[in-house]
N, C-alpha and C. Protein backbone atom coordinates (compact mmCIF):
# COMPACT_ATOMS: atom_id res chain seq x y z
N MET A 1 10.05 8.57 30.06
CA MET A 1 10.76 7.58 29.26
C MET A 1 10.28 6.13 29.50
N MET A 2 9.84 5.83 30.75
CA MET A 2 9.41 4.48 30.98
C MET A 2 8.17 4.15 30.10
N HIS A 3 7.34 5.21 29.90
CA HIS A 3 6.15 4.98 29.06
C HIS A 3 6.57 4.48 27.62
N ASN A 4 7.51 5.12 27.09
CA ASN A 4 7.88 4.82 25.69
C ASN A 4 8.60 3.51 25.55
N LYS A 5 9.30 3.06 26.57
CA LYS A 5 9.96 1.78 26.48
C LYS A 5 9.08 0.62 26.27
N ARG A 6 7.85 0.61 26.79
CA ARG A 6 6.95 -0.43 26.56
C ARG A 6 6.61 -0.68 25.09
N TYR A 7 6.72 0.28 24.32
CA TYR A 7 6.36 0.22 22.89
C TYR A 7 7.53 -0.09 22.01
N VAL A 8 8.75 -0.03 22.46
CA VAL A 8 9.88 -0.13 21.57
C VAL A 8 9.94 -1.49 20.83
N GLY A 9 9.74 -2.55 21.61
CA GLY A 9 9.78 -3.88 20.98
C GLY A 9 8.78 -4.04 19.89
N PRO A 10 7.52 -3.83 20.06
CA PRO A 10 6.52 -4.00 19.02
C PRO A 10 6.75 -3.02 17.90
N ILE A 11 7.11 -1.76 18.17
CA ILE A 11 7.26 -0.87 17.09
C ILE A 11 8.57 -1.23 16.30
N LEU A 12 9.63 -1.54 16.91
CA LEU A 12 10.88 -1.90 16.13
C LEU A 12 10.54 -3.17 15.30
N GLY A 13 9.85 -4.09 15.92
CA GLY A 13 9.52 -5.34 15.18
C GLY A 13 8.72 -5.06 13.95
N SER A 14 7.72 -4.16 14.12
CA SER A 14 6.96 -3.80 12.89
C SER A 14 7.72 -3.09 11.86
N LEU A 15 8.61 -2.17 12.29
CA LEU A 15 9.49 -1.39 11.39
C LEU A 15 10.41 -2.32 10.64
N CYS A 16 11.00 -3.32 11.38
CA CYS A 16 11.84 -4.27 10.70
C CYS A 16 11.09 -5.06 9.62
N LEU A 17 9.86 -5.50 9.95
CA LEU A 17 9.02 -6.23 9.03
C LEU A 17 8.74 -5.39 7.86
N VAL A 18 8.36 -4.11 8.03
CA VAL A 18 8.01 -3.26 6.86
C VAL A 18 9.25 -2.97 6.06
N CYS A 19 10.39 -2.79 6.62
CA CYS A 19 11.62 -2.59 5.96
C CYS A 19 11.94 -3.81 5.07
N LEU A 20 11.73 -5.00 5.56
CA LEU A 20 11.92 -6.16 4.70
C LEU A 20 10.94 -6.20 3.51
N ILE A 21 9.73 -5.75 3.74
CA ILE A 21 8.73 -5.71 2.73
C ILE A 21 9.18 -4.73 1.63
N VAL A 22 9.56 -3.54 2.09
CA VAL A 22 9.91 -2.46 1.11
C VAL A 22 11.06 -2.95 0.25
N GLY A 23 12.06 -3.58 0.88
CA GLY A 23 13.25 -3.92 0.13
C GLY A 23 13.24 -5.26 -0.67
N THR A 24 12.15 -5.97 -0.49
CA THR A 24 12.09 -7.31 -1.18
C THR A 24 10.73 -7.52 -1.83
N LEU A 25 10.18 -6.55 -2.54
CA LEU A 25 8.93 -6.77 -3.27
C LEU A 25 9.16 -7.70 -4.41
N VAL A 26 8.21 -8.60 -4.63
CA VAL A 26 8.31 -9.57 -5.65
C VAL A 26 7.51 -9.19 -6.85
N PRO A 27 8.18 -9.01 -8.04
CA PRO A 27 7.38 -8.62 -9.26
C PRO A 27 6.42 -9.78 -9.65
N THR A 28 5.18 -9.32 -10.04
CA THR A 28 4.22 -10.35 -10.48
C THR A 28 4.03 -10.31 -11.97
N GLY A 29 4.78 -9.51 -12.66
CA GLY A 29 4.71 -9.47 -14.10
C GLY A 29 5.73 -8.54 -14.60
N SER A 30 5.88 -8.37 -15.91
CA SER A 30 6.87 -7.41 -16.50
C SER A 30 6.32 -6.12 -16.49
N ILE A 31 7.26 -5.11 -16.45
CA ILE A 31 6.90 -3.70 -16.56
C ILE A 31 6.28 -3.48 -17.93
N ARG A 32 5.17 -2.71 -17.89
CA ARG A 32 4.42 -2.45 -19.10
C ARG A 32 4.49 -1.03 -19.49
N SER A 33 4.37 -0.71 -20.71
CA SER A 33 4.34 0.63 -21.23
C SER A 33 2.88 1.07 -21.18
N ALA A 34 2.66 2.36 -21.36
CA ALA A 34 1.33 2.99 -21.28
C ALA A 34 0.50 2.38 -22.41
N ASN A 35 1.07 1.99 -23.55
CA ASN A 35 0.28 1.47 -24.70
C ASN A 35 -0.10 0.05 -24.50
N ASP A 36 0.38 -0.74 -23.58
CA ASP A 36 0.10 -2.10 -23.44
C ASP A 36 -1.36 -2.41 -22.92
N ASP A 37 -1.94 -1.48 -22.16
CA ASP A 37 -3.20 -1.77 -21.54
C ASP A 37 -4.01 -0.48 -21.67
N PRO A 38 -5.24 -0.57 -21.99
CA PRO A 38 -6.12 0.63 -22.16
C PRO A 38 -6.60 1.15 -20.83
N THR A 39 -6.22 0.59 -19.72
CA THR A 39 -6.73 1.02 -18.43
C THR A 39 -6.24 2.43 -18.12
N LYS A 40 -7.19 3.22 -17.60
CA LYS A 40 -6.87 4.58 -17.17
C LYS A 40 -7.08 4.67 -15.64
N VAL A 41 -6.51 5.73 -15.07
CA VAL A 41 -6.57 5.90 -13.54
C VAL A 41 -8.08 5.91 -13.19
N ASP A 42 -8.94 6.54 -13.99
CA ASP A 42 -10.38 6.51 -13.67
C ASP A 42 -10.97 5.17 -13.44
N ASP A 43 -10.41 4.12 -14.12
CA ASP A 43 -10.90 2.77 -14.02
C ASP A 43 -10.66 2.18 -12.67
N LEU A 44 -9.76 2.84 -11.89
CA LEU A 44 -9.40 2.32 -10.57
C LEU A 44 -10.27 2.97 -9.53
N ALA A 45 -11.32 3.66 -9.84
CA ALA A 45 -12.10 4.37 -8.86
C ALA A 45 -12.70 3.39 -7.73
N PHE A 46 -12.79 2.17 -8.05
CA PHE A 46 -13.35 1.15 -7.14
C PHE A 46 -12.50 1.05 -5.89
N ILE A 47 -11.17 1.48 -5.92
CA ILE A 47 -10.29 1.48 -4.67
C ILE A 47 -10.72 2.60 -3.74
N ALA A 48 -11.31 3.66 -4.17
CA ALA A 48 -11.57 4.89 -3.37
C ALA A 48 -12.44 4.48 -2.18
N GLY A 49 -12.16 5.14 -1.10
CA GLY A 49 -12.95 4.90 0.14
C GLY A 49 -12.06 4.91 1.37
N GLN A 50 -12.74 4.86 2.49
CA GLN A 50 -12.02 4.75 3.84
C GLN A 50 -12.14 3.31 4.25
N TRP A 51 -10.95 2.69 4.48
CA TRP A 51 -10.85 1.27 4.76
C TRP A 51 -10.20 0.99 6.04
N ARG A 52 -10.58 -0.06 6.74
CA ARG A 52 -9.97 -0.45 8.00
C ARG A 52 -9.91 -1.95 8.18
N GLY A 53 -8.74 -2.52 8.62
CA GLY A 53 -8.54 -3.89 8.80
C GLY A 53 -7.45 -4.22 9.78
N GLU A 54 -6.94 -5.45 9.81
CA GLU A 54 -5.85 -5.83 10.73
C GLU A 54 -4.73 -6.51 9.94
N ALA A 55 -3.51 -6.18 10.26
CA ALA A 55 -2.33 -6.84 9.69
C ALA A 55 -1.13 -6.30 10.45
N PHE A 56 -0.06 -6.96 10.29
CA PHE A 56 1.22 -6.60 10.95
C PHE A 56 1.10 -6.47 12.50
N GLY A 57 0.20 -7.19 13.08
CA GLY A 57 0.02 -7.09 14.53
C GLY A 57 -0.67 -5.89 15.08
N GLY A 58 -1.49 -5.22 14.16
CA GLY A 58 -2.12 -4.00 14.53
C GLY A 58 -3.30 -3.74 13.64
N ILE A 59 -3.80 -2.56 13.83
CA ILE A 59 -4.90 -2.01 13.03
C ILE A 59 -4.34 -1.14 11.87
N CYS A 60 -4.84 -1.46 10.73
CA CYS A 60 -4.43 -0.72 9.49
C CYS A 60 -5.58 0.08 9.04
N GLU A 61 -5.34 1.36 8.70
CA GLU A 61 -6.28 2.21 8.11
C GLU A 61 -5.66 2.74 6.79
N GLU A 62 -6.57 2.66 5.74
CA GLU A 62 -6.20 3.11 4.39
C GLU A 62 -7.22 3.90 3.79
N VAL A 63 -6.85 5.11 3.25
CA VAL A 63 -7.91 6.00 2.66
C VAL A 63 -7.46 6.34 1.26
N TRP A 64 -8.33 6.20 0.26
CA TRP A 64 -8.07 6.59 -1.15
C TRP A 64 -9.13 7.60 -1.63
N ASN A 65 -8.65 8.72 -2.21
CA ASN A 65 -9.58 9.67 -2.80
C ASN A 65 -9.94 9.13 -4.16
N ALA A 66 -11.08 9.63 -4.69
CA ALA A 66 -11.57 9.30 -6.00
C ALA A 66 -10.63 9.85 -6.97
N PRO A 67 -10.59 9.28 -8.17
CA PRO A 67 -9.70 9.81 -9.23
C PRO A 67 -10.05 11.25 -9.56
N SER A 68 -9.04 12.10 -9.76
CA SER A 68 -9.17 13.50 -10.24
C SER A 68 -7.83 13.91 -10.74
N GLY A 69 -7.75 14.76 -11.69
CA GLY A 69 -6.46 15.14 -12.22
C GLY A 69 -5.60 13.97 -12.73
N ASN A 70 -6.21 12.91 -13.21
CA ASN A 70 -5.60 11.73 -13.69
C ASN A 70 -4.63 11.07 -12.61
N SER A 71 -5.12 11.13 -11.37
CA SER A 71 -4.41 10.53 -10.28
C SER A 71 -5.41 10.26 -9.15
N MET A 72 -4.90 9.34 -8.25
CA MET A 72 -5.59 9.07 -6.96
C MET A 72 -4.55 9.27 -5.85
N MET A 73 -4.96 9.76 -4.68
CA MET A 73 -4.05 9.89 -3.63
C MET A 73 -4.57 9.05 -2.49
N GLY A 74 -3.62 8.42 -1.77
CA GLY A 74 -3.99 7.51 -0.65
C GLY A 74 -3.08 7.75 0.60
N MET A 75 -3.59 7.27 1.75
CA MET A 75 -2.87 7.32 2.97
C MET A 75 -3.09 6.01 3.65
N PHE A 76 -2.01 5.54 4.32
CA PHE A 76 -2.05 4.29 5.15
C PHE A 76 -1.39 4.56 6.44
N LYS A 77 -1.94 3.99 7.51
CA LYS A 77 -1.26 4.01 8.79
C LYS A 77 -1.46 2.78 9.52
N LEU A 78 -0.40 2.45 10.24
CA LEU A 78 -0.46 1.21 11.14
C LEU A 78 -0.45 1.67 12.57
N ILE A 79 -1.37 1.12 13.33
CA ILE A 79 -1.56 1.38 14.78
C ILE A 79 -1.35 0.11 15.59
N GLN A 80 -0.39 0.18 16.56
CA GLN A 80 -0.20 -0.90 17.46
C GLN A 80 -0.25 -0.36 18.86
N GLN A 81 -0.97 -1.06 19.80
CA GLN A 81 -1.08 -0.67 21.19
C GLN A 81 -1.45 0.83 21.23
N ASP A 82 -2.39 1.21 20.43
CA ASP A 82 -2.90 2.60 20.38
C ASP A 82 -1.82 3.66 20.06
N ARG A 83 -0.81 3.27 19.30
CA ARG A 83 0.23 4.18 18.93
C ARG A 83 0.47 4.00 17.41
N ILE A 84 0.80 5.08 16.75
CA ILE A 84 1.11 5.12 15.35
C ILE A 84 2.49 4.40 15.18
N VAL A 85 2.58 3.46 14.30
CA VAL A 85 3.92 2.79 14.01
C VAL A 85 4.56 3.54 12.73
N PHE A 86 3.80 3.70 11.73
CA PHE A 86 4.25 4.37 10.53
C PHE A 86 3.09 4.79 9.63
N TYR A 87 3.40 5.67 8.68
CA TYR A 87 2.43 6.11 7.72
C TYR A 87 3.01 5.87 6.35
N GLU A 88 2.11 5.81 5.36
CA GLU A 88 2.55 5.84 3.95
C GLU A 88 1.65 6.90 3.27
N LEU A 89 2.29 7.64 2.38
CA LEU A 89 1.58 8.55 1.43
C LEU A 89 1.71 7.97 0.09
N MET A 90 0.58 7.75 -0.68
CA MET A 90 0.60 7.04 -1.89
C MET A 90 -0.08 7.79 -2.95
N ILE A 91 0.31 7.59 -4.21
CA ILE A 91 -0.43 8.03 -5.35
C ILE A 91 -0.48 6.89 -6.44
N ILE A 92 -1.57 6.94 -7.19
CA ILE A 92 -1.71 6.15 -8.38
C ILE A 92 -1.88 7.17 -9.47
N ALA A 93 -0.88 7.12 -10.48
CA ALA A 93 -0.88 8.12 -11.52
C ALA A 93 -0.31 7.46 -12.76
N GLU A 94 -0.48 8.25 -13.85
CA GLU A 94 0.02 7.75 -15.17
C GLU A 94 1.06 8.71 -15.62
N ASP A 95 2.19 8.16 -16.15
CA ASP A 95 3.22 8.90 -16.77
C ASP A 95 3.55 8.22 -18.09
N SER A 96 4.65 8.57 -18.75
CA SER A 96 5.04 8.01 -19.98
C SER A 96 5.29 6.50 -19.94
N ALA A 97 5.59 5.97 -18.73
CA ALA A 97 5.81 4.51 -18.62
C ALA A 97 4.54 3.77 -18.33
N GLY A 98 3.50 4.51 -18.04
CA GLY A 98 2.18 3.81 -17.77
C GLY A 98 1.70 4.20 -16.35
N ILE A 99 0.73 3.48 -15.86
CA ILE A 99 0.10 3.67 -14.55
C ILE A 99 1.03 3.00 -13.51
N ALA A 100 1.26 3.67 -12.42
CA ALA A 100 2.04 3.05 -11.27
C ALA A 100 1.47 3.56 -9.95
N LEU A 101 1.69 2.74 -8.90
CA LEU A 101 1.42 3.20 -7.60
C LEU A 101 2.77 3.46 -7.04
N LYS A 102 2.87 4.67 -6.42
CA LYS A 102 4.13 5.16 -5.86
C LYS A 102 3.83 5.53 -4.39
N LEU A 103 4.78 5.23 -3.49
CA LEU A 103 4.61 5.55 -2.12
C LEU A 103 5.89 5.92 -1.37
N LYS A 104 5.71 6.65 -0.24
CA LYS A 104 6.74 6.94 0.58
C LYS A 104 6.29 6.59 2.03
N HIS A 105 7.23 6.19 2.81
CA HIS A 105 6.96 5.85 4.23
C HIS A 105 7.52 6.87 5.20
N PHE A 106 6.81 7.04 6.28
CA PHE A 106 7.13 8.02 7.31
C PHE A 106 6.94 7.36 8.76
N ASN A 107 7.94 7.70 9.59
CA ASN A 107 7.74 7.33 11.06
C ASN A 107 6.60 8.05 11.59
N ALA A 108 6.27 7.79 12.86
CA ALA A 108 5.14 8.48 13.54
C ALA A 108 5.42 9.95 13.53
N ASP A 109 6.67 10.42 13.71
CA ASP A 109 6.99 11.83 13.76
C ASP A 109 7.18 12.46 12.42
N LEU A 110 6.82 11.74 11.35
CA LEU A 110 6.86 12.18 9.95
C LEU A 110 8.33 12.27 9.38
N THR A 111 9.34 11.71 10.08
CA THR A 111 10.58 11.64 9.38
C THR A 111 10.49 10.47 8.37
N GLY A 112 11.08 10.80 7.17
CA GLY A 112 10.88 9.87 6.00
C GLY A 112 11.91 8.64 6.11
N TRP A 113 11.43 7.63 5.47
CA TRP A 113 12.28 6.42 5.36
C TRP A 113 13.16 6.50 4.07
N GLU A 114 12.53 6.84 2.98
CA GLU A 114 13.13 6.93 1.68
C GLU A 114 13.92 8.28 1.58
N THR A 115 14.99 8.35 0.85
CA THR A 115 15.60 9.60 0.62
C THR A 115 14.64 10.62 -0.13
N LYS A 116 15.04 11.82 -0.22
CA LYS A 116 14.13 12.85 -0.79
C LYS A 116 13.55 12.48 -2.12
N ASP A 117 14.30 12.02 -3.04
CA ASP A 117 13.82 11.68 -4.43
C ASP A 117 13.47 10.27 -4.59
N ASP A 118 13.64 9.37 -3.62
CA ASP A 118 13.28 7.98 -3.80
C ASP A 118 11.95 7.63 -3.36
N MET A 119 11.36 6.57 -3.90
CA MET A 119 10.04 6.17 -3.44
C MET A 119 9.96 4.65 -3.84
N VAL A 120 8.94 4.02 -3.35
CA VAL A 120 8.63 2.64 -3.70
C VAL A 120 7.67 2.62 -4.85
N THR A 121 7.95 1.97 -5.96
CA THR A 121 7.08 1.99 -7.16
C THR A 121 6.56 0.63 -7.47
N PHE A 122 5.27 0.57 -7.74
CA PHE A 122 4.65 -0.72 -8.16
C PHE A 122 4.02 -0.39 -9.51
N PRO A 123 4.66 -0.86 -10.56
CA PRO A 123 4.10 -0.65 -11.91
C PRO A 123 2.81 -1.47 -12.10
N PHE A 124 1.91 -0.82 -12.80
CA PHE A 124 0.57 -1.44 -13.09
C PHE A 124 0.82 -2.67 -14.07
N VAL A 125 0.05 -3.77 -13.82
CA VAL A 125 0.14 -4.90 -14.77
C VAL A 125 -1.14 -5.04 -15.55
N LYS A 126 -2.26 -5.17 -14.84
CA LYS A 126 -3.47 -5.29 -15.57
C LYS A 126 -4.77 -5.22 -14.64
N MET A 127 -5.89 -5.01 -15.33
CA MET A 127 -7.20 -5.05 -14.68
C MET A 127 -7.81 -6.43 -14.90
N GLN A 128 -8.47 -6.91 -13.82
CA GLN A 128 -9.24 -8.19 -13.97
C GLN A 128 -10.53 -8.02 -13.17
N ASN A 129 -11.63 -7.75 -13.79
CA ASN A 129 -12.92 -7.55 -13.10
C ASN A 129 -12.63 -6.35 -12.15
N ASN A 130 -12.97 -6.50 -10.87
CA ASN A 130 -12.79 -5.44 -9.87
C ASN A 130 -11.49 -5.69 -9.12
N LYS A 131 -10.46 -5.98 -9.96
CA LYS A 131 -9.10 -6.20 -9.35
C LYS A 131 -8.09 -5.42 -10.11
N ALA A 132 -7.30 -4.61 -9.50
CA ALA A 132 -6.15 -3.92 -10.13
C ALA A 132 -4.88 -4.58 -9.64
N ILE A 133 -4.15 -5.06 -10.58
CA ILE A 133 -2.89 -5.84 -10.28
C ILE A 133 -1.69 -4.94 -10.63
N PHE A 134 -0.87 -4.74 -9.69
CA PHE A 134 0.43 -4.09 -9.81
C PHE A 134 1.54 -5.06 -9.55
N GLU A 135 2.74 -4.80 -9.93
CA GLU A 135 3.86 -5.63 -9.58
C GLU A 135 4.13 -5.63 -8.11
N GLY A 136 3.72 -6.78 -7.38
CA GLY A 136 3.94 -6.92 -5.95
C GLY A 136 2.74 -6.54 -5.08
N ILE A 137 1.67 -6.00 -5.61
CA ILE A 137 0.53 -5.61 -4.80
C ILE A 137 -0.76 -5.70 -5.71
N SER A 138 -1.87 -6.05 -5.16
CA SER A 138 -3.12 -5.95 -5.92
C SER A 138 -4.25 -5.45 -4.93
N PHE A 139 -5.24 -4.90 -5.65
CA PHE A 139 -6.43 -4.40 -4.92
C PHE A 139 -7.62 -4.98 -5.60
N HIS A 140 -8.43 -5.68 -4.73
CA HIS A 140 -9.60 -6.37 -5.26
C HIS A 140 -10.80 -5.95 -4.47
N ARG A 141 -11.72 -5.36 -5.12
CA ARG A 141 -13.10 -4.92 -4.49
C ARG A 141 -13.97 -6.23 -4.54
N LYS A 142 -13.93 -6.87 -3.38
CA LYS A 142 -14.66 -8.16 -3.24
C LYS A 142 -16.17 -7.93 -3.21
N THR A 143 -16.60 -6.90 -2.39
CA THR A 143 -18.01 -6.56 -2.32
C THR A 143 -18.06 -5.09 -2.20
N THR A 144 -19.29 -4.51 -2.09
CA THR A 144 -19.37 -3.04 -1.97
C THR A 144 -18.63 -2.50 -0.76
N ASP A 145 -18.54 -3.35 0.32
CA ASP A 145 -17.86 -2.80 1.55
C ASP A 145 -16.62 -3.59 1.94
N THR A 146 -16.04 -4.41 0.99
CA THR A 146 -14.79 -5.13 1.29
C THR A 146 -13.77 -4.91 0.20
N LEU A 147 -12.55 -4.57 0.64
CA LEU A 147 -11.49 -4.42 -0.31
C LEU A 147 -10.33 -5.34 0.23
N LEU A 148 -9.84 -6.29 -0.64
CA LEU A 148 -8.81 -7.16 -0.37
C LEU A 148 -7.50 -6.63 -1.01
N VAL A 149 -6.46 -6.31 -0.19
CA VAL A 149 -5.14 -5.86 -0.71
C VAL A 149 -4.24 -7.00 -0.43
N THR A 150 -3.54 -7.51 -1.51
CA THR A 150 -2.58 -8.50 -1.41
C THR A 150 -1.16 -8.08 -1.66
N LEU A 151 -0.21 -8.26 -0.78
CA LEU A 151 1.16 -7.76 -0.89
C LEU A 151 2.02 -9.00 -0.90
N THR A 152 2.91 -9.06 -1.96
CA THR A 152 3.83 -10.21 -2.11
C THR A 152 5.29 -9.75 -1.78
N THR A 153 5.91 -10.41 -0.96
CA THR A 153 7.28 -10.12 -0.56
C THR A 153 8.18 -11.34 -0.57
N GLU A 154 9.54 -11.11 -0.55
CA GLU A 154 10.44 -12.14 -0.50
C GLU A 154 11.42 -11.82 0.60
N HIS A 155 11.75 -12.85 1.48
CA HIS A 155 12.80 -12.73 2.50
C HIS A 155 13.54 -14.03 2.63
N ASP A 156 14.83 -13.96 2.52
CA ASP A 156 15.65 -15.17 2.62
C ASP A 156 15.22 -16.25 1.64
N GLY A 157 14.90 -15.79 0.42
CA GLY A 157 14.52 -16.74 -0.60
C GLY A 157 13.06 -17.29 -0.46
N LYS A 158 12.35 -16.89 0.53
CA LYS A 158 10.97 -17.30 0.79
C LYS A 158 9.97 -16.24 0.38
N ILE A 159 9.05 -16.62 -0.44
CA ILE A 159 8.05 -15.63 -0.89
C ILE A 159 6.87 -15.69 0.11
N ASP A 160 6.51 -14.52 0.58
CA ASP A 160 5.44 -14.39 1.57
C ASP A 160 4.29 -13.54 0.98
N THR A 161 3.10 -13.80 1.29
CA THR A 161 1.86 -13.02 0.88
C THR A 161 1.20 -12.58 2.20
N THR A 162 1.02 -11.27 2.19
CA THR A 162 0.18 -10.63 3.30
C THR A 162 -1.12 -10.14 2.70
N ARG A 163 -2.20 -10.52 3.31
CA ARG A 163 -3.51 -10.10 2.81
C ARG A 163 -4.11 -9.11 3.88
N PHE A 164 -4.54 -8.00 3.40
CA PHE A 164 -5.22 -6.97 4.15
C PHE A 164 -6.69 -7.10 3.80
N VAL A 165 -7.54 -7.52 4.66
CA VAL A 165 -8.98 -7.63 4.37
C VAL A 165 -9.56 -6.36 5.03
N TYR A 166 -9.84 -5.39 4.25
CA TYR A 166 -10.43 -4.10 4.71
C TYR A 166 -11.96 -4.03 4.60
N LEU A 167 -12.58 -3.57 5.59
CA LEU A 167 -13.97 -3.16 5.60
C LEU A 167 -14.08 -1.62 5.41
N GLN A 168 -15.07 -1.32 4.64
CA GLN A 168 -15.26 0.12 4.45
C GLN A 168 -15.79 0.80 5.66
N VAL A 169 -15.22 1.92 6.06
CA VAL A 169 -15.64 2.66 7.20
C VAL A 169 -16.81 3.57 6.72
N LYS A 170 -17.92 3.37 7.42
CA LYS A 170 -19.14 4.16 7.13
C LYS A 170 -19.13 5.40 7.96
N GLU A 171 -19.43 6.50 7.37
CA GLU A 171 -19.49 7.78 8.15
C GLU A 171 -20.86 8.03 8.75
């Protein structure tokens, strides 16, 4: 038990931060229908890869598979003090409302944050060069080995922007 108590503060702090993020995402545009933009999931292939960077007081790892079956699947994990804080399972897919990024959060033991049928949804807004813009989050392939992810949140009336500067992990 003593071993686990060392990590309670940082882990709970991170979980509180992420809960605020999930509950207060700031839209960056209006929800669009599938007919508003000719972008297809295949056009987002530049996001694919294994990425690593720092944010939220720890190491962030994000992995995206290449498009297939008109979707992309991703995984995110936050590591603090050599321990997993939380995971996210993500998809980018198209339905009748258009393209959206959808995700679910999980604690280190894989207990879910959202209820069974709930998820966090970021509707797609537009493509701009090597940048995919969703409501509240964007992915910008800056160079062949750098991906910039920008997350916009609101807390107590204040808008915050968190930038994840990821470097591609070479195998």
